[in-house]
C-alpha atoms as a PDB file:
ATOM      1  CA  MET A   1      -4.231 -45.919 -39.494  1.00  0.00           C
ATOM      2  CA  ASN A   2      -5.183 -47.738 -36.147  1.00  0.00           C
ATOM      3  CA  GLY A   3      -2.665 -48.642 -33.229  1.00  0.00           C
ATOM      4  CA  TYR A   4      -0.028 -45.717 -34.538  1.00  0.00           C
ATOM      5  CA  THR A   5       3.173 -46.797 -34.284  1.00  0.00           C
ATOM      6  CA  PRO A   6       6.152 -44.483 -34.760  1.00  0.00           C
ATOM      7  CA  PHE A   7       7.946 -44.878 -38.193  1.00  0.00           C
ATOM      8  CA  LEU A   8      11.507 -45.942 -36.891  1.00  0.00           C
ATOM      9  CA  PRO A   9      12.122 -45.924 -33.000  1.00  0.00           C
ATOM     10  CA  ARG A  10      14.911 -43.548 -31.494  1.00  0.00           C
ATOM     11  CA  ARG A  11      17.459 -46.051 -30.627  1.00  0.00           C
ATOM     12  CA  VAL A  12      17.271 -47.047 -34.289  1.00  0.00           C
ATOM     13  CA  VAL A  13      17.646 -43.751 -35.534  1.00  0.00           C
ATOM     14  CA  TYR A  14      20.360 -43.033 -32.988  1.00  0.00           C
ATOM     15  CA  GLY A  15      22.226 -45.863 -33.800  1.00  0.00           C
ATOM     16  CA  ALA A  16      21.671 -45.170 -37.642  1.00  0.00           C
ATOM     17  CA  ILE A  17      23.446 -42.100 -37.393  1.00  0.00           C
ATOM     18  CA  GLY A  18      26.283 -42.767 -34.982  1.00  0.00           C
ATOM     19  CA  VAL A  19      27.414 -45.506 -37.146  1.00  0.00           C
ATOM     20  CA  VAL A  20      27.040 -43.036 -39.983  1.00  0.00           C
ATOM     21  CA  LEU A  21      29.409 -40.560 -38.001  1.00  0.00           C
ATOM     22  CA  ALA A  22      31.395 -43.188 -37.370  1.00  0.00           C
ATOM     23  CA  LEU A  23      32.277 -44.237 -40.776  1.00  0.00           C
ATOM     24  CA  VAL A  24      32.662 -40.448 -41.860  1.00  0.00           C
ATOM     25  CA  ALA A  25      35.473 -39.536 -39.416  1.00  0.00           C
ATOM     26  CA  LEU A  26      37.144 -43.422 -40.485  1.00  0.00           C
ATOM     27  CA  GLY A  27      36.784 -42.305 -44.397  1.00  0.00           C
ATOM     28  CA  THR A  28      38.749 -38.975 -43.039  1.00  0.00           C
ATOM     29  CA  PHE A  29      41.750 -41.234 -42.517  1.00  0.00           C
ATOM     30  CA  VAL A  30      40.901 -43.876 -45.007  1.00  0.00           C
ATOM     31  CA  ASP A  31      39.031 -42.895 -48.293  1.00  0.00           C
ATOM     32  CA  TYR A  32      41.689 -43.338 -50.484  1.00  0.00           C
ATOM     33  CA  PRO A  33      43.459 -46.457 -49.414  1.00  0.00           C
ATOM     34  CA  LEU A  34      40.115 -48.285 -49.162  1.00  0.00           C
ATOM     35  CA  SER A  35      38.849 -46.871 -52.153  1.00  0.00           C
ATOM     36  CA  PHE A  36      41.979 -48.386 -54.009  1.00  0.00           C
ATOM     37  CA  ALA A  37      42.115 -51.262 -52.701  1.00  0.00           C
ATOM     38  CA  LEU A  38      38.475 -52.370 -53.235  1.00  0.00           C
ATOM     39  CA  TYR A  39      38.961 -50.542 -56.963  1.00  0.00           C
ATOM     40  CA  ASP A  40      37.307 -52.891 -59.448  1.00  0.00           C
ATOM     41  CA  ALA A  41      35.596 -51.091 -62.198  1.00  0.00           C
ATOM     42  CA  SER A  42      34.898 -54.400 -64.598  1.00  0.00           C
ATOM     43  CA  SER A  43      33.424 -56.221 -61.132  1.00  0.00           C
ATOM     44  CA  PRO A  44      29.806 -57.586 -62.105  1.00  0.00           C
ATOM     45  CA  PHE A  45      28.713 -57.051 -58.598  1.00  0.00           C
ATOM     46  CA  ALA A  46      29.319 -53.568 -58.977  1.00  0.00           C
ATOM     47  CA  THR A  47      28.047 -52.824 -62.328  1.00  0.00           C
ATOM     48  CA  PHE A  48      24.826 -54.871 -61.808  1.00  0.00           C
ATOM     49  CA  PHE A  49      23.905 -52.641 -58.420  1.00  0.00           C
ATOM     50  CA  ALA A  50      25.182 -49.546 -60.379  1.00  0.00           C
ATOM     51  CA  ALA A  51      22.330 -50.377 -62.846  1.00  0.00           C
ATOM     52  CA  TYR A  52      19.550 -51.569 -60.240  1.00  0.00           C
ATOM     53  CA  GLY A  53      20.809 -49.758 -56.894  1.00  0.00           C
ATOM     54  CA  ALA A  54      18.824 -47.074 -57.288  1.00  0.00           C
ATOM     55  CA  ILE A  55      15.839 -48.336 -58.427  1.00  0.00           C
ATOM     56  CA  PRO A  56      13.745 -47.746 -54.936  1.00  0.00           C
ATOM     57  CA  ALA A  57      13.441 -44.459 -55.704  1.00  0.00           C
ATOM     58  CA  PRO A  58      11.160 -44.665 -58.989  1.00  0.00           C
ATOM     59  CA  LEU A  59      10.028 -47.669 -57.923  1.00  0.00           C
ATOM     60  CA  GLY A  60       8.643 -45.216 -54.927  1.00  0.00           C
ATOM     61  CA  CYS A  61       7.421 -43.052 -57.590  1.00  0.00           C
ATOM     62  CA  VAL A  62       5.211 -45.765 -58.755  1.00  0.00           C
ATOM     63  CA  ALA A  63       3.966 -46.822 -55.623  1.00  0.00           C
ATOM     64  CA  ALA A  64       3.258 -43.585 -54.195  1.00  0.00           C
ATOM     65  CA  GLY A  65       1.237 -42.532 -57.804  1.00  0.00           C
ATOM     66  CA  THR A  66      -0.473 -45.500 -57.354  1.00  0.00           C
ATOM     67  CA  LEU A  67      -1.941 -44.665 -53.765  1.00  0.00           C
ATOM     68  CA  PHE A  68      -2.819 -41.487 -54.886  1.00  0.00           C
ATOM     69  CA  VAL A  69      -4.796 -43.265 -57.704  1.00  0.00           C
ATOM     70  CA  CYS A  70      -6.753 -45.647 -55.176  1.00  0.00           C
ATOM     71  CA  GLY A  71      -6.820 -43.148 -52.573  1.00  0.00           C
ATOM     72  CA  ARG A  72      -8.225 -40.107 -54.288  1.00  0.00           C
ATOM     73  CA  ASN A  73     -10.919 -38.311 -53.140  1.00  0.00           C
ATOM     74  CA  ARG A  74     -14.235 -39.437 -54.212  1.00  0.00           C
ATOM     75  CA  ASP A  75     -16.618 -36.610 -52.741  1.00  0.00           C
ATOM     76  CA  ASN A  76     -14.541 -33.794 -54.234  1.00  0.00           C
ATOM     77  CA  LYS A  77     -14.247 -34.498 -57.785  1.00  0.00           C
ATOM     78  CA  LEU A  78     -11.887 -31.797 -58.797  1.00  0.00           C
ATOM     79  CA  TRP A  79      -9.647 -32.744 -55.870  1.00  0.00           C
ATOM     80  CA  GLY A  80     -10.089 -36.462 -57.001  1.00  0.00           C
ATOM     81  CA  ILE A  81      -9.060 -35.497 -60.152  1.00  0.00           C
ATOM     82  CA  VAL A  82      -6.171 -33.622 -59.580  1.00  0.00           C
ATOM     83  CA  GLN A  83      -4.911 -36.370 -57.303  1.00  0.00           C
ATOM     84  CA  SER A  84      -4.999 -38.773 -60.093  1.00  0.00           C
ATOM     85  CA  ILE A  85      -3.454 -36.802 -62.488  1.00  0.00           C
ATOM     86  CA  GLY A  86      -0.708 -36.205 -60.241  1.00  0.00           C
ATOM     87  CA  GLY A  87      -0.590 -39.837 -59.179  1.00  0.00           C
ATOM     88  CA  ILE A  88      -0.713 -41.077 -63.162  1.00  0.00           C
ATOM     89  CA  LEU A  89       2.388 -39.104 -64.144  1.00  0.00           C
ATOM     90  CA  LEU A  90       4.599 -40.034 -60.725  1.00  0.00           C
ATOM     91  CA  LEU A  91       3.849 -43.687 -62.359  1.00  0.00           C
ATOM     92  CA  LEU A  92       4.909 -43.251 -65.738  1.00  0.00           C
ATOM     93  CA  SER A  93       7.954 -41.247 -64.548  1.00  0.00           C
ATOM     94  CA  GLY A  94       8.739 -43.932 -62.084  1.00  0.00           C
ATOM     95  CA  THR A  95       8.259 -46.466 -64.754  1.00  0.00           C
ATOM     96  CA  VAL A  96      10.148 -44.512 -67.451  1.00  0.00           C
ATOM     97  CA  LEU A  97      12.833 -44.539 -64.940  1.00  0.00           C
ATOM     98  CA  VAL A  98      13.125 -48.158 -63.692  1.00  0.00           C
ATOM     99  CA  CYS A  99      13.006 -49.142 -67.746  1.00  0.00           C
ATOM    100  CA  LEU A 100      15.940 -46.586 -68.632  1.00  0.00           C
ATOM    101  CA  ILE A 101      18.516 -46.319 -65.797  1.00  0.00           C
ATOM    102  CA  PRO A 102      19.876 -49.683 -66.216  1.00  0.00           C
ATOM    103  CA  THR A 103      20.549 -48.971 -69.926  1.00  0.00           C
ATOM    104  CA  LEU A 104      23.190 -46.428 -68.437  1.00  0.00           C
ATOM    105  CA  TYR A 105      25.485 -48.971 -66.911  1.00  0.00           C
ATOM    106  CA  MET A 106      24.837 -52.211 -68.494  1.00  0.00           C
ATOM    107  CA  ALA A 107      25.584 -53.321 -71.983  1.00  0.00           C
ATOM    108  CA  VAL A 108      22.509 -55.368 -72.267  1.00  0.00           C
ATOM    109  CA  PHE A 109      19.983 -55.180 -75.176  1.00  0.00           C
ATOM    110  CA  PRO A 110      17.728 -52.123 -73.911  1.00  0.00           C
ATOM    111  CA  ALA A 111      14.741 -54.096 -74.690  1.00  0.00           C
ATOM    112  CA  LEU A 112      15.248 -56.629 -72.249  1.00  0.00           C
ATOM    113  CA  LEU A 113      16.063 -54.051 -69.681  1.00  0.00           C
ATOM    114  CA  ALA A 114      12.937 -51.987 -70.540  1.00  0.00           C
ATOM    115  CA  GLY A 115      11.150 -55.551 -70.108  1.00  0.00           C
ATOM    116  CA  ILE A 116      12.814 -56.236 -66.350  1.00  0.00           C
ATOM    117  CA  GLY A 117      11.611 -52.306 -65.631  1.00  0.00           C
ATOM    118  CA  LEU A 118       8.161 -53.141 -66.814  1.00  0.00           C
ATOM    119  CA  ILE A 119       7.640 -55.984 -64.769  1.00  0.00           C
ATOM    120  CA  LEU A 120       9.495 -54.264 -61.456  1.00  0.00           C
ATOM    121  CA  SER A 121       7.086 -51.600 -62.122  1.00  0.00           C
ATOM    122  CA  ALA A 122       4.065 -53.683 -63.056  1.00  0.00           C
ATOM    123  CA  GLY A 123       4.592 -55.795 -59.893  1.00  0.00           C
ATOM    124  CA  THR A 124       4.850 -52.971 -57.825  1.00  0.00           C
ATOM    125  CA  ILE A 125       1.338 -51.739 -58.700  1.00  0.00           C
ATOM    126  CA  LEU A 126      -0.404 -54.792 -58.355  1.00  0.00           C
ATOM    127  CA  VAL A 127       1.581 -55.346 -54.412  1.00  0.00           C
ATOM    128  CA  ILE A 128       0.292 -51.471 -53.506  1.00  0.00           C
ATOM    129  CA  ARG A 129      -3.324 -52.077 -55.158  1.00  0.00           C
ATOM    130  CA  ARG A 130      -3.536 -55.169 -52.831  1.00  0.00           C
ATOM    131  CA  LEU A 131      -2.589 -53.483 -49.668  1.00  0.00           C
ATOM    132  CA  ALA A 132      -4.643 -50.699 -50.593  1.00  0.00           C
ATOM    133  CA  LYS A 133      -7.883 -52.760 -50.633  1.00  0.00           C
ATOM    134  CA  GLY A 134      -9.784 -52.205 -47.505  1.00  0.00           C
ATOM    135  CA  ALA A 135      -6.986 -49.350 -46.642  1.00  0.00           C
ATOM    136  CA  ASP A 136      -8.203 -45.986 -45.274  1.00  0.00           C
ATOM    137  CA  ARG A 137      -8.113 -43.399 -48.104  1.00  0.00           C
ATOM    138  CA  SER A 138      -7.001 -40.601 -45.679  1.00  0.00           C
ATOM    139  CA  ALA A 139      -3.878 -42.952 -44.920  1.00  0.00           C
ATOM    140  CA  MET A 140      -3.281 -43.817 -48.700  1.00  0.00           C
ATOM    141  CA  ILE A 141      -2.824 -40.458 -49.233  1.00  0.00           C
ATOM    142  CA  ARG A 142      -0.663 -39.388 -46.124  1.00  0.00           C
ATOM    143  CA  VAL A 143       1.516 -42.609 -47.296  1.00  0.00           C
ATOM    144  CA  ALA A 144       1.984 -41.560 -51.100  1.00  0.00           C
ATOM    145  CA  LEU A 145       2.573 -37.822 -49.748  1.00  0.00           C
ATOM    146  CA  ALA A 146       5.455 -39.071 -47.496  1.00  0.00           C
ATOM    147  CA  ILE A 147       6.954 -40.902 -50.125  1.00  0.00           C
ATOM    148  CA  SER A 148       7.071 -38.815 -52.517  1.00  0.00           C
ATOM    149  CA  LEU A 149       8.457 -35.543 -50.845  1.00  0.00           C
ATOM    150  CA  ALA A 150      11.007 -38.046 -48.656  1.00  0.00           C
ATOM    151  CA  LEU A 151      12.120 -38.916 -52.401  1.00  0.00           C
ATOM    152  CA  LEU A 152      11.913 -35.263 -53.760  1.00  0.00           C
ATOM    153  CA  CYS A 153      13.582 -33.839 -50.174  1.00  0.00           C
ATOM    154  CA  GLN A 154      16.601 -35.975 -50.845  1.00  0.00           C
ATOM    155  CA  LEU A 155      17.254 -35.885 -54.526  1.00  0.00           C
ATOM    156  CA  LEU A 156      17.177 -31.926 -54.043  1.00  0.00           C
ATOM    157  CA  VAL A 157      19.488 -32.149 -50.949  1.00  0.00           C
ATOM    158  CA  VAL A 158      22.196 -34.323 -52.324  1.00  0.00           C
ATOM    159  CA  ASN A 159      22.095 -32.849 -55.826  1.00  0.00           C
ATOM    160  CA  GLY A 160      22.312 -29.877 -54.129  1.00  0.00           C
ATOM    161  CA  ILE A 161      25.723 -30.639 -52.524  1.00  0.00           C
ATOM    162  CA  LYS A 162      27.238 -32.375 -55.140  1.00  0.00           C
ATOM    163  CA  LEU A 163      26.986 -29.256 -57.652  1.00  0.00           C
ATOM    164  CA  ALA A 164      28.477 -27.084 -54.762  1.00  0.00           C
ATOM    165  CA  TRP A 165      31.366 -29.533 -53.915  1.00  0.00           C
ATOM    166  CA  GLY A 166      32.778 -30.539 -57.343  1.00  0.00           C
ATOM    167  CA  ARG A 167      34.634 -33.557 -55.626  1.00  0.00           C
ATOM    168  CA  PRO A 168      36.147 -35.681 -57.949  1.00  0.00           C
ATOM    169  CA  ARG A 169      35.479 -39.204 -58.150  1.00  0.00           C
ATOM    170  CA  MET A 170      37.965 -42.084 -57.503  1.00  0.00           C
ATOM    171  CA  ARG A 171      38.178 -43.307 -60.885  1.00  0.00           C
ATOM    172  CA  LEU A 172      38.794 -39.699 -62.145  1.00  0.00           C
ATOM    173  CA  VAL A 173      41.859 -39.962 -60.214  1.00  0.00           C
ATOM    174  CA  THR A 174      42.805 -42.993 -61.091  1.00  0.00           C
ATOM    175  CA  SER A 175      42.616 -42.614 -64.693  1.00  0.00           C
ATOM    176  CA  HIS A 176      43.411 -38.888 -65.281  1.00  0.00           C
ATOM    177  CA  PRO A 177      47.239 -37.875 -64.938  1.00  0.00           C
ATOM    178  CA  GLU A 178      46.285 -34.437 -63.824  1.00  0.00           C
ATOM    179  CA  ALA A 179      43.720 -35.384 -60.835  1.00  0.00           C
ATOM    180  CA  PHE A 180      44.181 -36.402 -57.705  1.00  0.00           C
ATOM    181  CA  PHE A 181      42.484 -36.958 -54.610  1.00  0.00           C
ATOM    182  CA  VAL A 182      40.625 -34.278 -52.545  1.00  0.00           C
ATOM    183  CA  PRO A 183      39.556 -35.084 -49.208  1.00  0.00           C
ATOM    184  CA  TRP A 184      35.655 -34.394 -48.227  1.00  0.00           C
ATOM    185  CA  TRP A 185      35.845 -31.749 -46.117  1.00  0.00           C
ATOM    186  CA  GLN A 186      37.397 -29.467 -49.093  1.00  0.00           C
ATOM    187  CA  LEU A 187      35.739 -28.634 -52.123  1.00  0.00           C
ATOM    188  CA  GLY A 188      37.065 -29.605 -55.411  1.00  0.00           C
ATOM    189  CA  ASN A 189      36.159 -26.977 -57.369  1.00  0.00           C
ATOM    190  CA  ALA A 190      39.694 -25.607 -58.282  1.00  0.00           C
ATOM    191  CA  LEU A 191      40.504 -29.105 -60.312  1.00  0.00           C
ATOM    192  CA  LYS A 192      37.012 -29.039 -61.749  1.00  0.00           C
ATOM    193  CA  ALA A 193      37.570 -26.038 -63.909  1.00  0.00           C
ATOM    194  CA  PRO A 194      40.663 -26.946 -65.476  1.00  0.00           C
ATOM    195  CA  LEU A 195      39.844 -30.541 -66.130  1.00  0.00           C
ATOM    196  CA  MET A 196      36.733 -29.881 -67.745  1.00  0.00           C
ATOM    197  CA  ALA A 197      38.048 -27.181 -70.019  1.00  0.00           C
ATOM    198  CA  ALA A 198      40.469 -29.969 -71.125  1.00  0.00           C
ATOM    199  CA  GLY A 199      37.093 -32.245 -71.896  1.00  0.00           C
ATOM    200  CA  VAL A 200      36.433 -34.195 -68.842  1.00  0.00           C
ATOM    201  CA  ALA A 201      32.331 -34.580 -68.473  1.00  0.00           C
ATOM    202  CA  ALA A 202      31.012 -32.674 -65.599  1.00  0.00           C
ATOM    203  CA  ASP A 203      29.934 -35.784 -63.838  1.00  0.00           C
ATOM    204  CA  GLU A 204      33.441 -36.689 -62.817  1.00  0.00           C
ATOM    205  CA  PHE A 205      33.139 -34.151 -60.064  1.00  0.00           C
ATOM    206  CA  LYS A 206      29.862 -35.490 -58.489  1.00  0.00           C
ATOM    207  CA  SER A 207      31.225 -37.627 -55.772  1.00  0.00           C
ATOM    208  CA  PHE A 208      29.846 -36.124 -52.648  1.00  0.00           C
ATOM    209  CA  PRO A 209      27.495 -37.171 -51.690  1.00  0.00           C
ATOM    210  CA  SER A 210      26.438 -40.583 -53.422  1.00  0.00           C
ATOM    211  CA  GLY A 211      23.350 -40.190 -54.915  1.00  0.00           C
ATOM    212  CA  HIS A 212      23.290 -44.070 -55.637  1.00  0.00           C
ATOM    213  CA  THR A 213      23.570 -44.657 -51.806  1.00  0.00           C
ATOM    214  CA  ALA A 214      20.796 -42.134 -51.579  1.00  0.00           C
ATOM    215  CA  ASN A 215      17.991 -43.666 -53.615  1.00  0.00           C
ATOM    216  CA  ALA A 216      19.254 -46.960 -52.531  1.00  0.00           C
ATOM    217  CA  THR A 217      18.300 -45.965 -48.936  1.00  0.00           C
ATOM    218  CA  THR A 218      15.094 -44.997 -49.799  1.00  0.00           C
ATOM    219  CA  MET A 219      14.458 -48.631 -49.641  1.00  0.00           C
ATOM    220  CA  LEU A 220      13.876 -47.732 -46.073  1.00  0.00           C
ATOM    221  CA  LEU A 221      10.052 -46.736 -47.153  1.00  0.00           C
ATOM    222  CA  LEU A 222       8.892 -50.315 -46.800  1.00  0.00           C
ATOM    223  CA  GLY A 223       8.352 -49.250 -43.598  1.00  0.00           C
ATOM    224  CA  VAL A 224       5.543 -47.429 -44.306  1.00  0.00           C
ATOM    225  CA  LEU A 225       3.492 -50.268 -45.533  1.00  0.00           C
ATOM    226  CA  PRO A 226       2.210 -51.390 -42.233  1.00  0.00           C
ATOM    227  CA  TYR A 227       0.633 -47.635 -41.709  1.00  0.00           C
ATOM    228  CA  LEU A 228      -1.605 -49.218 -44.992  1.00  0.00           C
ATOM    229  CA  GLN A 229      -2.125 -52.324 -43.513  1.00  0.00           C
ATOM    230  CA  PRO A 230      -1.376 -53.062 -39.333  1.00  0.00           C
ATOM    231  CA  LYS A 231      -1.605 -56.632 -39.781  1.00  0.00           C
ATOM    232  CA  LEU A 232       2.143 -56.026 -41.493  1.00  0.00           C
ATOM    233  CA  GLN A 233       3.357 -54.391 -38.490  1.00  0.00           C
ATOM    234  CA  LYS A 234       4.907 -58.076 -37.414  1.00  0.00           C
ATOM    235  CA  TYR A 235       7.120 -57.448 -40.389  1.00  0.00           C
ATOM    236  CA  LYS A 236       8.243 -53.940 -40.057  1.00  0.00           C
ATOM    237  CA  THR A 237      11.454 -54.684 -38.312  1.00  0.00           C
ATOM    238  CA  ALA A 238      12.209 -57.219 -41.260  1.00  0.00           C
ATOM    239  CA  LEU A 239      11.429 -54.463 -43.965  1.00  0.00           C
ATOM    240  CA  VAL A 240      13.460 -51.912 -42.498  1.00  0.00           C
ATOM    241  CA  ALA A 241      16.393 -54.258 -42.076  1.00  0.00           C
ATOM    242  CA  PHE A 242      15.957 -55.131 -46.082  1.00  0.00           C
ATOM    243  CA  GLY A 243      16.113 -51.230 -46.304  1.00  0.00           C
ATOM    244  CA  PHE A 244      19.327 -50.819 -44.102  1.00  0.00           C
ATOM    245  CA  ALA A 245      20.684 -53.882 -46.076  1.00  0.00           C
ATOM    246  CA  TRP A 246      20.283 -52.928 -49.445  1.00  0.00           C
ATOM    247  CA  ALA A 247      21.625 -49.207 -49.058  1.00  0.00           C
ATOM    248  CA  ALA A 248      25.006 -51.086 -47.465  1.00  0.00           C
ATOM    249  CA  ILE A 249      25.141 -53.249 -50.554  1.00  0.00           C
ATOM    250  CA  VAL A 250      24.856 -50.397 -52.775  1.00  0.00           C
ATOM    251  CA  ALA A 251      27.332 -48.238 -50.729  1.00  0.00           C
ATOM    252  CA  LEU A 252      30.152 -51.092 -50.932  1.00  0.00           C
ATOM    253  CA  SER A 253      29.076 -51.428 -54.979  1.00  0.00           C
ATOM    254  CA  ARG A 254      29.826 -47.512 -55.456  1.00  0.00           C
ATOM    255  CA  ILE A 255      33.339 -47.537 -53.662  1.00  0.00           C
ATOM    256  CA  MET A 256      34.219 -51.136 -55.576  1.00  0.00           C
ATOM    257  CA  ILE A 257      33.409 -49.534 -59.229  1.00  0.00           C
ATOM    258  CA  GLY A 258      35.305 -46.400 -58.400  1.00  0.00           C
ATOM    259  CA  ALA A 259      32.452 -43.963 -58.695  1.00  0.00           C
ATOM    260  CA  HIS A 260      32.231 -42.812 -54.741  1.00  0.00           C
ATOM    261  CA  TYR A 261      34.354 -42.823 -51.534  1.00  0.00           C
ATOM    262  CA  LEU A 262      33.686 -44.396 -48.291  1.00  0.00           C
ATOM    263  CA  THR A 263      32.688 -40.646 -46.862  1.00  0.00           C
ATOM    264  CA  ASP A 264      30.361 -40.073 -50.124  1.00  0.00           C
ATOM    265  CA  THR A 265      28.424 -43.480 -49.556  1.00  0.00           C
ATOM    266  CA  ALA A 266      28.008 -42.171 -45.695  1.00  0.00           C
ATOM    267  CA  VAL A 267      26.874 -38.880 -46.270  1.00  0.00           C
ATOM    268  CA  GLY A 268      24.605 -40.009 -49.125  1.00  0.00           C
ATOM    269  CA  PHE A 269      22.630 -42.647 -46.693  1.00  0.00           C
ATOM    270  CA  LEU A 270      22.423 -40.224 -43.798  1.00  0.00           C
ATOM    271  CA  VAL A 271      20.804 -37.221 -46.347  1.00  0.00           C
ATOM    272  CA  SER A 272      18.194 -39.692 -47.377  1.00  0.00           C
ATOM    273  CA  PHE A 273      17.741 -41.584 -44.057  1.00  0.00           C
ATOM    274  CA  LEU A 274      17.463 -38.324 -42.128  1.00  0.00           C
ATOM    275  CA  SER A 275      14.746 -36.726 -45.421  1.00  0.00           C
ATOM    276  CA  ILE A 276      12.561 -39.987 -44.775  1.00  0.00           C
ATOM    277  CA  TYR A 277      12.523 -40.439 -41.245  1.00  0.00           C
ATOM    278  CA  LEU A 278      11.724 -36.743 -40.595  1.00  0.00           C
ATOM    279  CA  ILE A 279       8.868 -36.466 -43.465  1.00  0.00           C
ATOM    280  CA  CYS A 280       7.175 -40.077 -42.368  1.00  0.00           C
ATOM    281  CA  SER A 281       7.648 -39.027 -38.810  1.00  0.00           C
ATOM    282  CA  PHE A 282       5.804 -36.039 -39.327  1.00  0.00           C
ATOM    283  CA  LEU A 283       2.973 -37.115 -41.761  1.00  0.00           C
ATOM    284  CA  LEU A 284       2.136 -40.156 -40.683  1.00  0.00           C
ATOM    285  CA  CYS A 285       1.545 -39.054 -37.018  1.00  0.00           C
ATOM    286  CA  PRO A 286      -1.986 -39.064 -35.829  1.00  0.00           C
ATOM    287  CA  ARG A 287      -2.283 -35.358 -34.932  1.00  0.00           C
ATOM    288  CA  ASN A 288      -1.945 -34.832 -38.899  1.00  0.00           C
ATOM    289  CA  LYS A 289      -4.494 -36.844 -40.207  1.00  0.00           C
ATOM    290  CA  LYS A 290      -6.355 -34.138 -41.847  1.00  0.00           C
ATOM    291  CA  LEU A 291      -3.247 -33.325 -43.992  1.00  0.00           C
END
């Protein structure tokens, strides 16, 4: 990786954190009225992004898997085989998720959605293979590792908080007579136990933070592409801006569909953003070239 540049400028990092904290402060006062005003469970916009908003995460698995295979160690045969197997497993699991996730949210012929998923996965493989041509093999492995660890980190943290917090979703509050709004700073477990005993699904108590928004934020990993091909450095700002925009749109759609509140989406973004920034900044730093 010639001509090292940091994954994100500090002003962008501080700015993003500042905006998120401001949104959490705002949501502390307007979470419920804002969600009530935007709530539209039948919105095609919200339904589409429920189906495809989180797609950057599984496509990230496909990209990382492709890089592990392309950048495998050709001097140490055993290590190269391990990298190839890990890459193939990532690639296959990501492809399966890309095909499966939309079927959970859209009442469309599953074979059609699976076909779209295969096209997205195949397109990702082709793009990454093209970018890998002529790229430094060490850089490929470090980028693949950065993507994989960032995805894993945000997944574990977000779901760990979800299980501990137990915040009821907006759609449950509006549809169940015994449910009520719980602010983000309070645990919702007192409400969770009796309603689950009455037949309410456990998923209805996973509002805080937003997993969809966290997965959507992994679109920021487009910013690692210049580490494979330095000529893409001039497009890095546009790539990162697209990642921010995608995360914002998905966050809005999650509020509209009644799955999350503003604070849920803000914290979901923050967890994923910090996971990506810290891991990429460490692994893609020149001093860690031998990792």
